[in-house]
C-alpha atoms as a PDB file:
ATOM      1  CA  MET A   1      40.840  29.438 192.633  1.00  0.00           C
ATOM      2  CA  ALA A   2      42.597  31.169 195.497  1.00  0.00           C
ATOM      3  CA  HIS A   3      46.246  32.169 195.123  1.00  0.00           C
ATOM      4  CA  HIS A   4      46.824  33.861 198.488  1.00  0.00           C
ATOM      5  CA  PHE A   5      46.431  32.115 201.851  1.00  0.00           C
ATOM      6  CA  ASN A   6      46.529  33.230 205.480  1.00  0.00           C
ATOM      7  CA  HIS A   7      45.795  30.895 208.374  1.00  0.00           C
ATOM      8  CA  LYS A   8      43.779  33.656 210.054  1.00  0.00           C
ATOM      9  CA  ASP A   9      41.275  33.490 207.160  1.00  0.00           C
ATOM     10  CA  ALA A  10      41.250  29.694 206.832  1.00  0.00           C
ATOM     11  CA  GLU A  11      38.142  27.524 206.832  1.00  0.00           C
ATOM     12  CA  TRP A  12      38.916  24.781 209.351  1.00  0.00           C
ATOM     13  CA  LYS A  13      37.608  21.227 209.129  1.00  0.00           C
ATOM     14  CA  ALA A  14      37.840  19.021 212.202  1.00  0.00           C
ATOM     15  CA  TYR A  15      39.986  15.886 212.005  1.00  0.00           C
ATOM     16  CA  ASN A  16      39.194  12.564 213.651  1.00  0.00           C
ATOM     17  CA  VAL A  17      41.766  13.338 216.357  1.00  0.00           C
ATOM     18  CA  LYS A  18      40.434  15.620 219.111  1.00  0.00           C
ATOM     19  CA  GLY A  19      41.998  19.092 219.057  1.00  0.00           C
ATOM     20  CA  PHE A  20      43.159  18.901 215.414  1.00  0.00           C
ATOM     21  CA  SER A  21      41.683  20.594 212.353  1.00  0.00           C
ATOM     22  CA  GLY A  22      42.963  21.456 208.908  1.00  0.00           C
ATOM     23  CA  SER A  23      42.586  23.815 205.993  1.00  0.00           C
ATOM     24  CA  GLU A  24      43.652  22.496 202.600  1.00  0.00           C
ATOM     25  CA  ILE A  25      45.762  24.681 200.310  1.00  0.00           C
ATOM     26  CA  ILE A  26      46.979  22.201 197.664  1.00  0.00           C
ATOM     27  CA  ASN A  27      45.744  18.682 196.966  1.00  0.00           C
ATOM     28  CA  LEU A  28      47.455  17.019 193.998  1.00  0.00           C
ATOM     29  CA  PRO A  29      48.149  13.353 193.190  1.00  0.00           C
ATOM     30  CA  ASN A  30      51.847  13.829 194.014  1.00  0.00           C
ATOM     31  CA  GLY A  31      51.473  15.921 197.165  1.00  0.00           C
ATOM     32  CA  THR A  32      49.496  18.151 199.499  1.00  0.00           C
ATOM     33  CA  LEU A  33      49.903  21.332 201.511  1.00  0.00           C
ATOM     34  CA  LYS A  34      47.627  22.376 204.360  1.00  0.00           C
ATOM     35  CA  TYR A  35      47.401  24.402 207.504  1.00  0.00           C
ATOM     36  CA  VAL A  36      46.913  22.297 210.627  1.00  0.00           C
ATOM     37  CA  LYS A  37      45.512  23.861 213.791  1.00  0.00           C
ATOM     38  CA  VAL A  38      46.363  22.119 217.065  1.00  0.00           C
ATOM     39  CA  GLU A  39      44.430  23.200 220.112  1.00  0.00           C
ATOM     40  CA  ALA A  40      46.177  23.606 223.471  1.00  0.00           C
ATOM     41  CA  ASN A  41      47.330  20.370 225.110  1.00  0.00           C
ATOM     42  CA  SER A  42      46.463  18.143 222.138  1.00  0.00           C
ATOM     43  CA  VAL A  43      48.411  15.191 220.741  1.00  0.00           C
ATOM     44  CA  PHE A  44      48.230  13.440 217.354  1.00  0.00           C
ATOM     45  CA  PRO A  45      49.318   9.872 218.127  1.00  0.00           C
ATOM     46  CA  THR A  46      52.371   8.189 216.661  1.00  0.00           C
ATOM     47  CA  HIS A  47      51.799   6.972 213.108  1.00  0.00           C
ATOM     48  CA  LEU A  48      53.663   6.519 209.825  1.00  0.00           C
ATOM     49  CA  HIS A  49      53.114   6.744 206.089  1.00  0.00           C
ATOM     50  CA  VAL A  50      54.587   4.100 203.804  1.00  0.00           C
ATOM     51  CA  ASP A  51      54.300   6.173 200.646  1.00  0.00           C
ATOM     52  CA  LYS A  52      54.960   9.812 201.521  1.00  0.00           C
ATOM     53  CA  LEU A  53      57.414  12.156 203.155  1.00  0.00           C
ATOM     54  CA  GLU A  54      55.894  14.923 205.269  1.00  0.00           C
ATOM     55  CA  PHE A  55      57.222  18.143 206.715  1.00  0.00           C
ATOM     56  CA  ALA A  56      55.844  20.667 209.182  1.00  0.00           C
ATOM     57  CA  VAL A  57      56.646  24.374 209.455  1.00  0.00           C
ATOM     58  CA  VAL A  58      55.608  26.145 212.644  1.00  0.00           C
ATOM     59  CA  VAL A  59      53.547  29.219 211.726  1.00  0.00           C
ATOM     60  CA  GLU A  60      52.310  30.134 215.205  1.00  0.00           C
ATOM     61  CA  GLY A  61      53.051  28.704 218.641  1.00  0.00           C
ATOM     62  CA  THR A  62      55.433  25.967 219.783  1.00  0.00           C
ATOM     63  CA  ALA A  63      55.241  22.337 218.660  1.00  0.00           C
ATOM     64  CA  THR A  64      56.671  19.133 220.001  1.00  0.00           C
ATOM     65  CA  LEU A  65      57.377  17.087 216.884  1.00  0.00           C
ATOM     66  CA  THR A  66      58.605  13.531 217.273  1.00  0.00           C
ATOM     67  CA  VAL A  67      60.453  11.636 214.544  1.00  0.00           C
ATOM     68  CA  ASP A  68      61.193   8.014 215.392  1.00  0.00           C
ATOM     69  CA  THR A  69      62.592   8.311 218.946  1.00  0.00           C
ATOM     70  CA  ASN A  70      63.725  11.957 218.699  1.00  0.00           C
ATOM     71  CA  SER A  71      61.534  14.823 219.900  1.00  0.00           C
ATOM     72  CA  TYR A  72      62.087  18.399 218.776  1.00  0.00           C
ATOM     73  CA  ILE A  73      60.681  21.575 220.291  1.00  0.00           C
ATOM     74  CA  ALA A  74      59.986  23.633 217.172  1.00  0.00           C
ATOM     75  CA  LYS A  75      59.215  27.351 217.222  1.00  0.00           C
ATOM     76  CA  VAL A  76      57.925  29.769 214.588  1.00  0.00           C
ATOM     77  CA  GLY A  77      59.792  29.402 211.313  1.00  0.00           C
ATOM     78  CA  GLU A  78      61.359  26.047 212.143  1.00  0.00           C
ATOM     79  CA  VAL A  79      60.855  22.965 209.954  1.00  0.00           C
ATOM     80  CA  VAL A  80      60.822  19.274 210.877  1.00  0.00           C
ATOM     81  CA  LYS A  81      60.835  16.509 208.242  1.00  0.00           C
ATOM     82  CA  PHE A  82      59.005  13.190 208.709  1.00  0.00           C
ATOM     83  CA  PRO A  83      60.560  10.615 206.331  1.00  0.00           C
ATOM     84  CA  GLU A  84      58.371   7.904 204.824  1.00  0.00           C
ATOM     85  CA  LYS A  85      58.098   4.670 206.814  1.00  0.00           C
ATOM     86  CA  THR A  86      59.159   6.501 209.985  1.00  0.00           C
ATOM     87  CA  ASN A  87      57.027   6.823 213.123  1.00  0.00           C
ATOM     88  CA  HIS A  88      56.161  10.412 213.953  1.00  0.00           C
ATOM     89  CA  ALA A  89      53.792  12.412 216.151  1.00  0.00           C
ATOM     90  CA  ILE A  90      52.638  16.004 216.639  1.00  0.00           C
ATOM     91  CA  ALA A  91      51.893  17.549 220.021  1.00  0.00           C
ATOM     92  CA  ASN A  92      51.010  20.915 221.469  1.00  0.00           C
ATOM     93  CA  HIS A  93      51.965  20.837 225.143  1.00  0.00           C
ATOM     94  CA  THR A  94      51.229  24.541 225.629  1.00  0.00           C
ATOM     95  CA  ASN A  95      48.141  26.497 226.646  1.00  0.00           C
ATOM     96  CA  HIS A  96      48.041  28.295 223.262  1.00  0.00           C
ATOM     97  CA  THR A  97      46.880  27.294 219.791  1.00  0.00           C
ATOM     98  CA  LEU A  98      49.537  25.911 217.453  1.00  0.00           C
ATOM     99  CA  ILE A  99      49.406  26.470 213.673  1.00  0.00           C
ATOM    100  CA  LEU A 100      51.505  24.326 211.341  1.00  0.00           C
ATOM    101  CA  LEU A 101      51.965  24.356 207.586  1.00  0.00           C
ATOM    102  CA  VAL A 102      52.149  20.659 206.699  1.00  0.00           C
ATOM    103  CA  GLY A 103      53.255  19.361 203.333  1.00  0.00           C
ATOM    104  CA  ALA A 104      53.404  15.846 201.945  1.00  0.00           C
ATOM    105  CA  ILE A 105      55.212  14.509 198.900  1.00  0.00           C
ATOM    106  CA  ASN A 106      54.267  11.102 197.552  1.00  0.00           C
ATOM    107  CA  THR A 107      57.346   8.887 197.265  1.00  0.00           C
ATOM    108  CA  GLU A 108      55.681   5.870 195.665  1.00  0.00           C
ATOM    109  CA  GLU A 109      56.297   5.565 191.932  1.00  0.00           C
END
């Protein structure tokens, strides 16, 4: 079992959304943590989760993270929280790759 992680060494698996891939770090019944790579000019459409809170930390690049009707331009080191039952979206409107560290905590008892 690995204990040290670096996105530069990650094994990426493509998601169903074009331009998005991920590398799992933790996958437990009560939560997950993963790297998410977003290719230049890619958008993950608006969606929500009824049973989990998510957060995204920008590791590399600049993200446009939307929560409900508010959009935030997040840079390296910044964190945006996506509450459960709240519409949110992830976009990379730059010409460079974006790397996020995305965590989820299950809120359903």
